[in-house]
Amino acid sequence: MGDHQGVGRDGWKMILLGRIVALLWITVMSFPAMAQDSVLLHSAGSLRSALTEVTAAFQAATGVRVDAKYGPSGVLKDEIAKGAKAEVFTSANMEHPQALAKEKRSGPVVLFARNQLCVLA
């Protein structure tokens, strides 16, 4: 993830968590009426573990509930394109949120994490 030398796994985890918390916070600040209820998060299933920690921290800090729906990014993208309400969409594939933005079904797309393929023996 990225070009930062010397950042271990825990460091990257904290960077990822911080970025997602920032996205949730920006969403709530952009839509103040929403802050009274909840944030609707649609997310790739591969991010469930990390986002479970993020949403718990966000809820504790803000008192705003996060209603999360996890699944395949492409399926979630299609649901949003067909009108499903979602306020934050985290995808394992940048093409999905970019397609929604191109169709005017979302706001700006923000890259919040990168990964690299590795093999352990």
PDB file of N, CA and C in Angstrom:
ATOM      1  N   MET A   1       0.829  -1.178   0.000  1.00  0.00           N
ATOM      2  CA  MET A   1       0.000   0.000   0.000  1.00  0.00           C
ATOM      3  C   MET A   1       0.872   1.238   0.000  1.00  0.00           C
ATOM      4  N   GLY A   2       0.955   1.900  -1.104  1.00  0.00           N
ATOM      5  CA  GLY A   2       1.646   3.173  -1.139  1.00  0.00           C
ATOM      6  C   GLY A   2       3.143   3.041  -1.202  1.00  0.00           C
ATOM      7  N   ASP A   3       3.830   4.180  -1.088  1.00  0.00           N
ATOM      8  CA  ASP A   3       5.267   4.242  -1.224  1.00  0.00           C
ATOM      9  C   ASP A   3       5.964   4.566   0.078  1.00  0.00           C
ATOM     10  N   HIS A   4       5.297   4.495   1.196  1.00  0.00           N
ATOM     11  CA  HIS A   4       5.883   4.849   2.481  1.00  0.00           C
ATOM     12  C   HIS A   4       6.750   3.711   2.985  1.00  0.00           C
ATOM     13  N   GLN A   5       8.048   3.993   3.160  1.00  0.00           N
ATOM     14  CA  GLN A   5       8.978   2.991   3.666  1.00  0.00           C
ATOM     15  C   GLN A   5       8.844   2.886   5.181  1.00  0.00           C
ATOM     16  N   GLY A   6       8.977   1.693   5.713  1.00  0.00           N
ATOM     17  CA  GLY A   6       9.002   1.505   7.156  1.00  0.00           C
ATOM     18  C   GLY A   6       7.647   1.509   7.843  1.00  0.00           C
ATOM     19  N   VAL A   7       6.570   1.535   7.088  1.00  0.00           N
ATOM     20  CA  VAL A   7       5.243   1.485   7.702  1.00  0.00           C
ATOM     21  C   VAL A   7       4.816   0.030   7.720  1.00  0.00           C
ATOM     22  N   GLY A   8       4.682  -0.533   8.912  1.00  0.00           N
ATOM     23  CA  GLY A   8       4.309  -1.931   9.055  1.00  0.00           C
ATOM     24  C   GLY A   8       2.823  -2.150   8.858  1.00  0.00           C
ATOM     25  N   ARG A   9       2.418  -3.402   9.012  1.00  0.00           N
ATOM     26  CA  ARG A   9       1.009  -3.781   8.839  1.00  0.00           C
ATOM     27  C   ARG A   9       0.088  -2.982   9.749  1.00  0.00           C
ATOM     28  N   ASP A  10       0.457  -2.836  11.027  1.00  0.00           N
ATOM     29  CA  ASP A  10      -0.386  -2.077  11.953  1.00  0.00           C
ATOM     30  C   ASP A  10      -0.472  -0.613  11.549  1.00  0.00           C
ATOM     31  N   GLY A  11       0.628  -0.085  11.042  1.00  0.00           N
ATOM     32  CA  GLY A  11       0.621   1.307  10.572  1.00  0.00           C
ATOM     33  C   GLY A  11      -0.329   1.503   9.406  1.00  0.00           C
ATOM     34  N   TRP A  12      -0.293   0.569   8.453  1.00  0.00           N
ATOM     35  CA  TRP A  12      -1.202   0.667   7.308  1.00  0.00           C
ATOM     36  C   TRP A  12      -2.650   0.497   7.735  1.00  0.00           C
ATOM     37  N   LYS A  13      -2.868  -0.383   8.701  1.00  0.00           N
ATOM     38  CA  LYS A  13      -4.234  -0.572   9.205  1.00  0.00           C
ATOM     39  C   LYS A  13      -4.756   0.733   9.784  1.00  0.00           C
ATOM     40  N   MET A  14      -3.926   1.429  10.543  1.00  0.00           N
ATOM     41  CA  MET A  14      -4.345   2.701  11.134  1.00  0.00           C
ATOM     42  C   MET A  14      -4.587   3.761  10.057  1.00  0.00           C
ATOM     43  N   ILE A  15      -3.752   3.767   9.022  1.00  0.00           N
ATOM     44  CA  ILE A  15      -3.944   4.715   7.914  1.00  0.00           C
ATOM     45  C   ILE A  15      -5.273   4.436   7.228  1.00  0.00           C
ATOM     46  N   LEU A  16      -5.549   3.164   6.928  1.00  0.00           N
ATOM     47  CA  LEU A  16      -6.807   2.794   6.282  1.00  0.00           C
ATOM     48  C   LEU A  16      -7.995   3.173   7.147  1.00  0.00           C
ATOM     49  N   LEU A  17      -7.941   2.832   8.414  1.00  0.00           N
ATOM     50  CA  LEU A  17      -9.044   3.151   9.316  1.00  0.00           C
ATOM     51  C   LEU A  17      -9.264   4.648   9.386  1.00  0.00           C
ATOM     52  N   GLY A  18      -8.183   5.414   9.471  1.00  0.00           N
ATOM     53  CA  GLY A  18      -8.296   6.868   9.528  1.00  0.00           C
ATOM     54  C   GLY A  18      -8.945   7.444   8.287  1.00  0.00           C
ATOM     55  N   ARG A  19      -8.577   6.924   7.138  1.00  0.00           N
ATOM     56  CA  ARG A  19      -9.156   7.431   5.884  1.00  0.00           C
ATOM     57  C   ARG A  19     -10.644   7.132   5.791  1.00  0.00           C
ATOM     58  N   ILE A  20     -11.041   5.943   6.207  1.00  0.00           N
ATOM     59  CA  ILE A  20     -12.462   5.601   6.133  1.00  0.00           C
ATOM     60  C   ILE A  20     -13.266   6.397   7.153  1.00  0.00           C
ATOM     61  N   VAL A  21     -12.727   6.584   8.342  1.00  0.00           N
ATOM     62  CA  VAL A  21     -13.405   7.432   9.329  1.00  0.00           C
ATOM     63  C   VAL A  21     -13.562   8.837   8.762  1.00  0.00           C
ATOM     64  N   ALA A  22     -12.523   9.337   8.085  1.00  0.00           N
ATOM     65  CA  ALA A  22     -12.607  10.670   7.476  1.00  0.00           C
ATOM     66  C   ALA A  22     -13.717  10.714   6.430  1.00  0.00           C
ATOM     67  N   LEU A  23     -13.847   9.665   5.610  1.00  0.00           N
ATOM     68  CA  LEU A  23     -14.922   9.627   4.609  1.00  0.00           C
ATOM     69  C   LEU A  23     -16.292   9.642   5.268  1.00  0.00           C
ATOM     70  N   LEU A  24     -16.448   8.868   6.343  1.00  0.00           N
ATOM     71  CA  LEU A  24     -17.727   8.866   7.061  1.00  0.00           C
ATOM     72  C   LEU A  24     -18.010  10.242   7.653  1.00  0.00           C
ATOM     73  N   TRP A  25     -16.996  10.860   8.255  1.00  0.00           N
ATOM     74  CA  TRP A  25     -17.159  12.176   8.870  1.00  0.00           C
ATOM     75  C   TRP A  25     -17.540  13.218   7.821  1.00  0.00           C
ATOM     76  N   ILE A  26     -16.860  13.204   6.678  1.00  0.00           N
ATOM     77  CA  ILE A  26     -17.168  14.157   5.605  1.00  0.00           C
ATOM     78  C   ILE A  26     -18.602  13.963   5.145  1.00  0.00           C
ATOM     79  N   THR A  27     -19.051  12.727   5.049  1.00  0.00           N
ATOM     80  CA  THR A  27     -20.431  12.451   4.639  1.00  0.00           C
ATOM     81  C   THR A  27     -21.415  13.074   5.616  1.00  0.00           C
ATOM     82  N   VAL A  28     -21.191  12.877   6.898  1.00  0.00           N
ATOM     83  CA  VAL A  28     -22.094  13.421   7.916  1.00  0.00           C
ATOM     84  C   VAL A  28     -22.065  14.947   7.896  1.00  0.00           C
ATOM     85  N   MET A  29     -20.894  15.537   7.743  1.00  0.00           N
ATOM     86  CA  MET A  29     -20.788  16.996   7.730  1.00  0.00           C
ATOM     87  C   MET A  29     -21.405  17.593   6.471  1.00  0.00           C
ATOM     88  N   SER A  30     -21.376  16.851   5.370  1.00  0.00           N
ATOM     89  CA  SER A  30     -21.941  17.345   4.116  1.00  0.00           C
ATOM     90  C   SER A  30     -23.466  17.308   4.113  1.00  0.00           C
ATOM     91  N   PHE A  31     -24.021  16.423   4.924  1.00  0.00           N
ATOM     92  CA  PHE A  31     -25.471  16.257   4.977  1.00  0.00           C
ATOM     93  C   PHE A  31     -25.913  16.292   6.438  1.00  0.00           C
ATOM     94  N   PRO A  32     -25.968  17.475   7.050  1.00  0.00           N
ATOM     95  CA  PRO A  32     -26.249  17.579   8.482  1.00  0.00           C
ATOM     96  C   PRO A  32     -27.529  16.883   8.941  1.00  0.00           C
ATOM     97  N   ALA A  33     -28.556  16.856   8.126  1.00  0.00           N
ATOM     98  CA  ALA A  33     -29.805  16.213   8.538  1.00  0.00           C
ATOM     99  C   ALA A  33     -29.584  14.725   8.793  1.00  0.00           C
ATOM    100  N   MET A  34     -28.657  14.143   8.061  1.00  0.00           N
ATOM    101  CA  MET A  34     -28.362  12.734   8.211  1.00  0.00           C
ATOM    102  C   MET A  34     -27.723  12.444   9.574  1.00  0.00           C
ATOM    103  N   ALA A  35     -27.011  13.406  10.116  1.00  0.00           N
ATOM    104  CA  ALA A  35     -26.274  13.203  11.362  1.00  0.00           C
ATOM    105  C   ALA A  35     -27.199  12.818  12.514  1.00  0.00           C
ATOM    106  N   GLN A  36     -28.480  13.109  12.409  1.00  0.00           N
ATOM    107  CA  GLN A  36     -29.411  12.770  13.474  1.00  0.00           C
ATOM    108  C   GLN A  36     -29.761  11.286  13.479  1.00  0.00           C
ATOM    109  N   ASP A  37     -29.584  10.615  12.358  1.00  0.00           N
ATOM    110  CA  ASP A  37     -30.012   9.227  12.252  1.00  0.00           C
ATOM    111  C   ASP A  37     -28.835   8.279  12.053  1.00  0.00           C
ATOM    112  N   SER A  38     -28.504   8.062  10.808  1.00  0.00           N
ATOM    113  CA  SER A  38     -27.469   7.081  10.508  1.00  0.00           C
ATOM    114  C   SER A  38     -26.821   7.380   9.165  1.00  0.00           C
ATOM    115  N   VAL A  39     -25.726   6.704   8.914  1.00  0.00           N
ATOM    116  CA  VAL A  39     -25.038   6.744   7.628  1.00  0.00           C
ATOM    117  C   VAL A  39     -25.230   5.380   6.990  1.00  0.00           C
ATOM    118  N   LEU A  40     -25.638   5.363   5.722  1.00  0.00           N
ATOM    119  CA  LEU A  40     -25.834   4.112   5.000  1.00  0.00           C
ATOM    120  C   LEU A  40     -24.554   3.776   4.241  1.00  0.00           C
ATOM    121  N   LEU A  41     -23.900   2.718   4.655  1.00  0.00           N
ATOM    122  CA  LEU A  41     -22.635   2.283   4.075  1.00  0.00           C
ATOM    123  C   LEU A  41     -22.853   1.018   3.264  1.00  0.00           C
ATOM    124  N   HIS A  42     -22.457   1.064   1.995  1.00  0.00           N
ATOM    125  CA  HIS A  42     -22.431  -0.123   1.151  1.00  0.00           C
ATOM    126  C   HIS A  42     -20.959  -0.425   0.919  1.00  0.00           C
ATOM    127  N   SER A  43     -20.552  -1.659   1.190  1.00  0.00           N
ATOM    128  CA  SER A  43     -19.123  -1.957   1.143  1.00  0.00           C
ATOM    129  C   SER A  43     -18.828  -3.354   0.630  1.00  0.00           C
ATOM    130  N   ALA A  44     -17.678  -3.455  -0.025  1.00  0.00           N
ATOM    131  CA  ALA A  44     -17.188  -4.750  -0.479  1.00  0.00           C
ATOM    132  C   ALA A  44     -17.029  -5.672   0.720  1.00  0.00           C
ATOM    133  N   GLY A  45     -17.426  -6.909   0.552  1.00  0.00           N
ATOM    134  CA  GLY A  45     -17.312  -7.875   1.634  1.00  0.00           C
ATOM    135  C   GLY A  45     -15.883  -8.046   2.128  1.00  0.00           C
ATOM    136  N   SER A  46     -14.917  -7.831   1.246  1.00  0.00           N
ATOM    137  CA  SER A  46     -13.512  -7.980   1.635  1.00  0.00           C
ATOM    138  C   SER A  46     -13.075  -6.929   2.646  1.00  0.00           C
ATOM    139  N   LEU A  47     -13.859  -5.879   2.811  1.00  0.00           N
ATOM    140  CA  LEU A  47     -13.527  -4.809   3.760  1.00  0.00           C
ATOM    141  C   LEU A  47     -14.285  -4.929   5.077  1.00  0.00           C
ATOM    142  N   ARG A  48     -15.085  -5.963   5.218  1.00  0.00           N
ATOM    143  CA  ARG A  48     -15.927  -6.113   6.413  1.00  0.00           C
ATOM    144  C   ARG A  48     -15.123  -6.060   7.710  1.00  0.00           C
ATOM    145  N   SER A  49     -14.031  -6.785   7.782  1.00  0.00           N
ATOM    146  CA  SER A  49     -13.246  -6.841   9.021  1.00  0.00           C
ATOM    147  C   SER A  49     -12.738  -5.455   9.416  1.00  0.00           C
ATOM    148  N   ALA A  50     -12.115  -4.767   8.479  1.00  0.00           N
ATOM    149  CA  ALA A  50     -11.584  -3.427   8.774  1.00  0.00           C
ATOM    150  C   ALA A  50     -12.711  -2.450   9.088  1.00  0.00           C
ATOM    151  N   LEU A  51     -13.790  -2.518   8.326  1.00  0.00           N
ATOM    152  CA  LEU A  51     -14.867  -1.549   8.519  1.00  0.00           C
ATOM    153  C   LEU A  51     -15.674  -1.801   9.786  1.00  0.00           C
ATOM    154  N   THR A  52     -15.653  -3.008  10.292  1.00  0.00           N
ATOM    155  CA  THR A  52     -16.319  -3.270  11.568  1.00  0.00           C
ATOM    156  C   THR A  52     -15.663  -2.430  12.659  1.00  0.00           C
ATOM    157  N   GLU A  53     -14.335  -2.378  12.659  1.00  0.00           N
ATOM    158  CA  GLU A  53     -13.606  -1.544  13.620  1.00  0.00           C
ATOM    159  C   GLU A  53     -13.857  -0.059  13.358  1.00  0.00           C
ATOM    160  N   VAL A  54     -13.834   0.315  12.089  1.00  0.00           N
ATOM    161  CA  VAL A  54     -14.027   1.723  11.729  1.00  0.00           C
ATOM    162  C   VAL A  54     -15.401   2.211  12.154  1.00  0.00           C
ATOM    163  N   THR A  55     -16.432   1.444  11.830  1.00  0.00           N
ATOM    164  CA  THR A  55     -17.786   1.899  12.159  1.00  0.00           C
ATOM    165  C   THR A  55     -17.998   1.962  13.669  1.00  0.00           C
ATOM    166  N   ALA A  56     -17.420   1.027  14.399  1.00  0.00           N
ATOM    167  CA  ALA A  56     -17.539   1.072  15.868  1.00  0.00           C
ATOM    168  C   ALA A  56     -16.875   2.330  16.416  1.00  0.00           C
ATOM    169  N   ALA A  57     -15.691   2.646  15.915  1.00  0.00           N
ATOM    170  CA  ALA A  57     -14.985   3.857  16.371  1.00  0.00           C
ATOM    171  C   ALA A  57     -15.748   5.113  15.980  1.00  0.00           C
ATOM    172  N   PHE A  58     -16.277   5.147  14.768  1.00  0.00           N
ATOM    173  CA  PHE A  58     -17.035   6.304  14.291  1.00  0.00           C
ATOM    174  C   PHE A  58     -18.294   6.505  15.124  1.00  0.00           C
ATOM    175  N   GLN A  59     -19.027   5.428  15.372  1.00  0.00           N
ATOM    176  CA  GLN A  59     -20.253   5.521  16.168  1.00  0.00           C
ATOM    177  C   GLN A  59     -19.954   5.995  17.582  1.00  0.00           C
ATOM    178  N   ALA A  60     -18.881   5.495  18.174  1.00  0.00           N
ATOM    179  CA  ALA A  60     -18.508   5.907  19.534  1.00  0.00           C
ATOM    180  C   ALA A  60     -18.128   7.379  19.576  1.00  0.00           C
ATOM    181  N   ALA A  61     -17.444   7.858  18.544  1.00  0.00           N
ATOM    182  CA  ALA A  61     -16.975   9.238  18.522  1.00  0.00           C
ATOM    183  C   ALA A  61     -18.075  10.237  18.195  1.00  0.00           C
ATOM    184  N   THR A  62     -19.052   9.831  17.371  1.00  0.00           N
ATOM    185  CA  THR A  62     -20.043  10.793  16.873  1.00  0.00           C
ATOM    186  C   THR A  62     -21.456  10.543  17.374  1.00  0.00           C
ATOM    187  N   GLY A  63     -21.744   9.322  17.807  1.00  0.00           N
ATOM    188  CA  GLY A  63     -23.110   8.980  18.169  1.00  0.00           C
ATOM    189  C   GLY A  63     -23.989   8.706  16.961  1.00  0.00           C
ATOM    190  N   VAL A  64     -23.413   8.756  15.756  1.00  0.00           N
ATOM    191  CA  VAL A  64     -24.154   8.496  14.522  1.00  0.00           C
ATOM    192  C   VAL A  64     -24.010   7.019  14.186  1.00  0.00           C
ATOM    193  N   ARG A  65     -25.137   6.337  14.035  1.00  0.00           N
ATOM    194  CA  ARG A  65     -25.139   4.918  13.712  1.00  0.00           C
ATOM    195  C   ARG A  65     -24.710   4.710  12.257  1.00  0.00           C
ATOM    196  N   VAL A  66     -23.995   3.636  11.996  1.00  0.00           N
ATOM    197  CA  VAL A  66     -23.633   3.252  10.639  1.00  0.00           C
ATOM    198  C   VAL A  66     -24.380   1.969  10.300  1.00  0.00           C
ATOM    199  N   ASP A  67     -25.244   2.052   9.308  1.00  0.00           N
ATOM    200  CA  ASP A  67     -25.961   0.878   8.821  1.00  0.00           C
ATOM    201  C   ASP A  67     -25.191   0.357   7.616  1.00  0.00           C
ATOM    202  N   ALA A  68     -24.529  -0.791   7.787  1.00  0.00           N
ATOM    203  CA  ALA A  68     -23.650  -1.324   6.751  1.00  0.00           C
ATOM    204  C   ALA A  68     -24.291  -2.492   6.016  1.00  0.00           C
ATOM    205  N   LYS A  69     -24.067  -2.510   4.715  1.00  0.00           N
ATOM    206  CA  LYS A  69     -24.463  -3.629   3.873  1.00  0.00           C
ATOM    207  C   LYS A  69     -23.201  -4.067   3.131  1.00  0.00           C
ATOM    208  N   TYR A  70     -22.843  -5.339   3.266  1.00  0.00           N
ATOM    209  CA  TYR A  70     -21.638  -5.868   2.644  1.00  0.00           C
ATOM    210  C   TYR A  70     -22.006  -6.844   1.541  1.00  0.00           C
ATOM    211  N   GLY A  71     -21.200  -6.870   0.495  1.00  0.00           N
ATOM    212  CA  GLY A  71     -21.420  -7.805  -0.596  1.00  0.00           C
ATOM    213  C   GLY A  71     -20.427  -7.565  -1.714  1.00  0.00           C
ATOM    214  N   PRO A  72     -20.603  -8.255  -2.827  1.00  0.00           N
ATOM    215  CA  PRO A  72     -19.730  -8.042  -3.974  1.00  0.00           C
ATOM    216  C   PRO A  72     -19.872  -6.609  -4.497  1.00  0.00           C
ATOM    217  N   SER A  73     -18.753  -5.956  -4.772  1.00  0.00           N
ATOM    218  CA  SER A  73     -18.770  -4.550  -5.200  1.00  0.00           C
ATOM    219  C   SER A  73     -19.646  -4.324  -6.433  1.00  0.00           C
ATOM    220  N   GLY A  74     -19.561  -5.237  -7.392  1.00  0.00           N
ATOM    221  CA  GLY A  74     -20.347  -5.076  -8.616  1.00  0.00           C
ATOM    222  C   GLY A  74     -21.843  -5.150  -8.364  1.00  0.00           C
ATOM    223  N   VAL A  75     -22.244  -6.048  -7.489  1.00  0.00           N
ATOM    224  CA  VAL A  75     -23.667  -6.180  -7.140  1.00  0.00           C
ATOM    225  C   VAL A  75     -24.146  -4.917  -6.428  1.00  0.00           C
ATOM    226  N   LEU A  76     -23.351  -4.426  -5.480  1.00  0.00           N
ATOM    227  CA  LEU A  76     -23.730  -3.199  -4.767  1.00  0.00           C
ATOM    228  C   LEU A  76     -23.795  -2.013  -5.721  1.00  0.00           C
ATOM    229  N   LYS A  77     -22.839  -1.926  -6.633  1.00  0.00           N
ATOM    230  CA  LYS A  77     -22.845  -0.841  -7.629  1.00  0.00           C
ATOM    231  C   LYS A  77     -24.128  -0.879  -8.445  1.00  0.00           C
ATOM    232  N   ASP A  78     -24.517  -2.072  -8.887  1.00  0.00           N
ATOM    233  CA  ASP A  78     -25.745  -2.206  -9.680  1.00  0.00           C
ATOM    234  C   ASP A  78     -26.973  -1.787  -8.875  1.00  0.00           C
ATOM    235  N   GLU A  79     -27.023  -2.154  -7.595  1.00  0.00           N
ATOM    236  CA  GLU A  79     -28.148  -1.760  -6.744  1.00  0.00           C
ATOM    237  C   GLU A  79     -28.217  -0.235  -6.611  1.00  0.00           C
ATOM    238  N   ILE A  80     -27.071   0.390  -6.409  1.00  0.00           N
ATOM    239  CA  ILE A  80     -27.030   1.854  -6.278  1.00  0.00           C
ATOM    240  C   ILE A  80     -27.438   2.504  -7.596  1.00  0.00           C
ATOM    241  N   ALA A  81     -26.961   1.965  -8.705  1.00  0.00           N
ATOM    242  CA  ALA A  81     -27.306   2.508 -10.028  1.00  0.00           C
ATOM    243  C   ALA A  81     -28.809   2.430 -10.283  1.00  0.00           C
ATOM    244  N   LYS A  82     -29.464   1.424  -9.696  1.00  0.00           N
ATOM    245  CA  LYS A  82     -30.904   1.250  -9.868  1.00  0.00           C
ATOM    246  C   LYS A  82     -31.722   2.017  -8.833  1.00  0.00           C
ATOM    247  N   GLY A  83     -31.035   2.796  -7.977  1.00  0.00           N
ATOM    248  CA  GLY A  83     -31.762   3.649  -7.051  1.00  0.00           C
ATOM    249  C   GLY A  83     -31.647   3.320  -5.578  1.00  0.00           C
ATOM    250  N   ALA A  84     -30.923   2.266  -5.212  1.00  0.00           N
ATOM    251  CA  ALA A  84     -30.758   1.960  -3.789  1.00  0.00           C
ATOM    252  C   ALA A  84     -30.063   3.130  -3.106  1.00  0.00           C
ATOM    253  N   LYS A  85     -30.546   3.487  -1.940  1.00  0.00           N
ATOM    254  CA  LYS A  85     -29.961   4.603  -1.202  1.00  0.00           C
ATOM    255  C   LYS A  85     -28.660   4.149  -0.543  1.00  0.00           C
ATOM    256  N   ALA A  86     -27.583   4.874  -0.793  1.00  0.00           N
ATOM    257  CA  ALA A  86     -26.285   4.612  -0.174  1.00  0.00           C
ATOM    258  C   ALA A  86     -25.591   5.954  -0.013  1.00  0.00           C
ATOM    259  N   GLU A  87     -24.997   6.174   1.136  1.00  0.00           N
ATOM    260  CA  GLU A  87     -24.318   7.452   1.372  1.00  0.00           C
ATOM    261  C   GLU A  87     -22.809   7.324   1.288  1.00  0.00           C
ATOM    262  N   VAL A  88     -22.288   6.140   1.594  1.00  0.00           N
ATOM    263  CA  VAL A  88     -20.867   5.847   1.416  1.00  0.00           C
ATOM    264  C   VAL A  88     -20.790   4.478   0.751  1.00  0.00           C
ATOM    265  N   PHE A  89     -19.992   4.395  -0.322  1.00  0.00           N
ATOM    266  CA  PHE A  89     -19.796   3.137  -1.042  1.00  0.00           C
ATOM    267  C   PHE A  89     -18.301   2.873  -1.105  1.00  0.00           C
ATOM    268  N   THR A  90     -17.848   1.801  -0.464  1.00  0.00           N
ATOM    269  CA  THR A  90     -16.450   1.406  -0.545  1.00  0.00           C
ATOM    270  C   THR A  90     -16.381   0.163  -1.415  1.00  0.00           C
ATOM    271  N   SER A  91     -15.547   0.217  -2.433  1.00  0.00           N
ATOM    272  CA  SER A  91     -15.486  -0.842  -3.424  1.00  0.00           C
ATOM    273  C   SER A  91     -14.090  -1.421  -3.510  1.00  0.00           C
ATOM    274  N   ALA A  92     -14.014  -2.704  -3.839  1.00  0.00           N
ATOM    275  CA  ALA A  92     -12.728  -3.350  -4.059  1.00  0.00           C
ATOM    276  C   ALA A  92     -12.222  -3.084  -5.478  1.00  0.00           C
ATOM    277  N   ASN A  93     -13.002  -2.395  -6.274  1.00  0.00           N
ATOM    278  CA  ASN A  93     -12.659  -2.131  -7.668  1.00  0.00           C
ATOM    279  C   ASN A  93     -13.050  -0.692  -7.996  1.00  0.00           C
ATOM    280  N   MET A  94     -12.071   0.131  -8.335  1.00  0.00           N
ATOM    281  CA  MET A  94     -12.330   1.551  -8.606  1.00  0.00           C
ATOM    282  C   MET A  94     -13.295   1.771  -9.769  1.00  0.00           C
ATOM    283  N   GLU A  95     -13.391   0.805 -10.680  1.00  0.00           N
ATOM    284  CA  GLU A  95     -14.284   0.976 -11.824  1.00  0.00           C
ATOM    285  C   GLU A  95     -15.742   1.113 -11.399  1.00  0.00           C
ATOM    286  N   HIS A  96     -16.127   0.461 -10.302  1.00  0.00           N
ATOM    287  CA  HIS A  96     -17.520   0.509  -9.863  1.00  0.00           C
ATOM    288  C   HIS A  96     -17.932   1.906  -9.386  1.00  0.00           C
ATOM    289  N   PRO A  97     -17.219   2.536  -8.444  1.00  0.00           N
ATOM    290  CA  PRO A  97     -17.620   3.891  -8.056  1.00  0.00           C
ATOM    291  C   PRO A  97     -17.432   4.902  -9.187  1.00  0.00           C
ATOM    292  N   GLN A  98     -16.425   4.687 -10.035  1.00  0.00           N
ATOM    293  CA  GLN A  98     -16.231   5.598 -11.161  1.00  0.00           C
ATOM    294  C   GLN A  98     -17.396   5.520 -12.131  1.00  0.00           C
ATOM    295  N   ALA A  99     -17.942   4.323 -12.339  1.00  0.00           N
ATOM    296  CA  ALA A  99     -19.118   4.167 -13.211  1.00  0.00           C
ATOM    297  C   ALA A  99     -20.312   4.910 -12.626  1.00  0.00           C
ATOM    298  N   LEU A 100     -20.498   4.823 -11.306  1.00  0.00           N
ATOM    299  CA  LEU A 100     -21.608   5.550 -10.667  1.00  0.00           C
ATOM    300  C   LEU A 100     -21.427   7.059 -10.814  1.00  0.00           C
ATOM    301  N   ALA A 101     -20.211   7.534 -10.646  1.00  0.00           N
ATOM    302  CA  ALA A 101     -19.948   8.971 -10.800  1.00  0.00           C
ATOM    303  C   ALA A 101     -20.211   9.409 -12.235  1.00  0.00           C
ATOM    304  N   LYS A 102     -19.789   8.605 -13.195  1.00  0.00           N
ATOM    305  CA  LYS A 102     -20.006   8.930 -14.609  1.00  0.00           C
ATOM    306  C   LYS A 102     -21.498   9.014 -14.931  1.00  0.00           C
ATOM    307  N   GLU A 103     -22.298   8.172 -14.270  1.00  0.00           N
ATOM    308  CA  GLU A 103     -23.751   8.158 -14.470  1.00  0.00           C
ATOM    309  C   GLU A 103     -24.474   9.209 -13.617  1.00  0.00           C
ATOM    310  N   LYS A 104     -23.701  10.024 -12.900  1.00  0.00           N
ATOM    311  CA  LYS A 104     -24.255  11.056 -12.002  1.00  0.00           C
ATOM    312  C   LYS A 104     -25.082  10.439 -10.877  1.00  0.00           C
ATOM    313  N   ARG A 105     -24.683   9.230 -10.424  1.00  0.00           N
ATOM    314  CA  ARG A 105     -25.360   8.547  -9.328  1.00  0.00           C
ATOM    315  C   ARG A 105     -24.580   8.668  -8.019  1.00  0.00           C
ATOM    316  N   SER A 106     -23.471   9.457  -8.045  1.00  0.00           N
ATOM    317  CA  SER A 106     -22.661   9.621  -6.837  1.00  0.00           C
ATOM    318  C   SER A 106     -21.901  10.934  -6.887  1.00  0.00           C
ATOM    319  N   GLY A 107     -21.281  11.235  -5.774  1.00  0.00           N
ATOM    320  CA  GLY A 107     -20.380  12.367  -5.707  1.00  0.00           C
ATOM    321  C   GLY A 107     -19.003  11.939  -6.192  1.00  0.00           C
ATOM    322  N   PRO A 108     -17.994  12.706  -5.822  1.00  0.00           N
ATOM    323  CA  PRO A 108     -16.630  12.391  -6.269  1.00  0.00           C
ATOM    324  C   PRO A 108     -16.143  11.049  -5.725  1.00  0.00           C
ATOM    325  N   VAL A 109     -15.289  10.400  -6.487  1.00  0.00           N
ATOM    326  CA  VAL A 109     -14.676   9.132  -6.106  1.00  0.00           C
ATOM    327  C   VAL A 109     -13.331   9.431  -5.458  1.00  0.00           C
ATOM    328  N   VAL A 110     -13.072   8.815  -4.299  1.00  0.00           N
ATOM    329  CA  VAL A 110     -11.840   9.043  -3.553  1.00  0.00           C
ATOM    330  C   VAL A 110     -11.141   7.710  -3.319  1.00  0.00           C
ATOM    331  N   LEU A 111      -9.887   7.609  -3.749  1.00  0.00           N
ATOM    332  CA  LEU A 111      -9.088   6.426  -3.471  1.00  0.00           C
ATOM    333  C   LEU A 111      -8.630   6.502  -2.026  1.00  0.00           C
ATOM    334  N   PHE A 112      -8.954   5.502  -1.210  1.00  0.00           N
ATOM    335  CA  PHE A 112      -8.583   5.559   0.208  1.00  0.00           C
ATOM    336  C   PHE A 112      -7.608   4.468   0.620  1.00  0.00           C
ATOM    337  N   ALA A 113      -7.328   3.508  -0.256  1.00  0.00           N
ATOM    338  CA  ALA A 113      -6.368   2.453   0.092  1.00  0.00           C
ATOM    339  C   ALA A 113      -5.845   1.791  -1.185  1.00  0.00           C
ATOM    340  N   ARG A 114      -4.672   1.218  -1.070  1.00  0.00           N
ATOM    341  CA  ARG A 114      -4.076   0.432  -2.155  1.00  0.00           C
ATOM    342  C   ARG A 114      -3.611  -0.891  -1.562  1.00  0.00           C
ATOM    343  N   ASN A 115      -3.373  -1.850  -2.420  1.00  0.00           N
ATOM    344  CA  ASN A 115      -2.807  -3.097  -1.954  1.00  0.00           C
ATOM    345  C   ASN A 115      -1.844  -3.641  -2.976  1.00  0.00           C
ATOM    346  N   GLN A 116      -1.071  -4.634  -2.571  1.00  0.00           N
ATOM    347  CA  GLN A 116      -0.145  -5.305  -3.461  1.00  0.00           C
ATOM    348  C   GLN A 116      -0.278  -6.799  -3.244  1.00  0.00           C
ATOM    349  N   LEU A 117      -0.137  -7.535  -4.314  1.00  0.00           N
ATOM    350  CA  LEU A 117      -0.160  -8.978  -4.224  1.00  0.00           C
ATOM    351  C   LEU A 117       1.164  -9.459  -3.647  1.00  0.00           C
ATOM    352  N   CYS A 118       1.105 -10.370  -2.712  1.00  0.00           N
ATOM    353  CA  CYS A 118       2.330 -10.914  -2.129  1.00  0.00           C
ATOM    354  C   CYS A 118       2.147 -12.409  -1.906  1.00  0.00           C
ATOM    355  N   VAL A 119       3.246 -13.102  -1.850  1.00  0.00           N
ATOM    356  CA  VAL A 119       3.225 -14.547  -1.622  1.00  0.00           C
ATOM    357  C   VAL A 119       4.044 -14.811  -0.357  1.00  0.00           C
ATOM    358  N   LEU A 120       3.500 -15.595   0.542  1.00  0.00           N
ATOM    359  CA  LEU A 120       4.203 -15.984   1.762  1.00  0.00           C
ATOM    360  C   LEU A 120       4.460 -17.485   1.703  1.00  0.00           C
ATOM    361  N   ALA A 121       5.660 -17.860   2.103  1.00  0.00           N
ATOM    362  CA  ALA A 121       5.992 -19.294   2.097  1.00  0.00           C
ATOM    363  C   ALA A 121       6.242 -19.781   3.512  1.00  0.00           C
TER     364      ALA A 121
END
